[in-house]
């Protein structure tokens, strides 16, 4: 395998040397395919890291035209990662996302059950005279809830810098890149409007 290709892939992905070498072998020298292979393997590793405890981190702020302010508490497992400039950039991007799209929760699991039930009942009431079977109504209700999650849950929102990805995917990619669990513990949004 060409060492220049391995070097290039390593620089672009920050993946370990052996992982780059193996991915290039599997992709038969195609750098773009090797990137895809590394990304898939990295996301699998990221899933495993989600249970690791996050004790280090930073508080990042973002102020938009003096009218909207956001503070985020982004955590990592070690200070080594928390001091990394890319980690700070991630925290800043998340703060910008919150300023722009104003989510109320981090994940759907954070929504109080009574609020979810209230929304479900509202949607069921709207559909009760539609003549549709109950199982179809329930699927429609779940679909509408999923759509609601996109507006009120940060992790379900399309990322403002790359709308082809959800914020949750951006976090998982960061976990894969840094090799540590990364967790947004909380955020606060201030708005003068």
Foldseek 3Di string as FASTA:
>chain_A
DDVVLLVVLCVVQVDDSVLSVVLCVVVVNDSVSSNVVLLVVLLVLLVVQQPPDFDDADWDKDQDPNFKIKIWTKTWNDVVLRPDPVRNVLRHLLRVLCRVQVAAEAAPVPDPPVVLVVQLVVQCVVCVPVPDDPVVSVVVSVVVVLVVCCRHHQQSDQRPVGSVHGSVSVQSSVCSNVVIHMDTPDMDMGGND
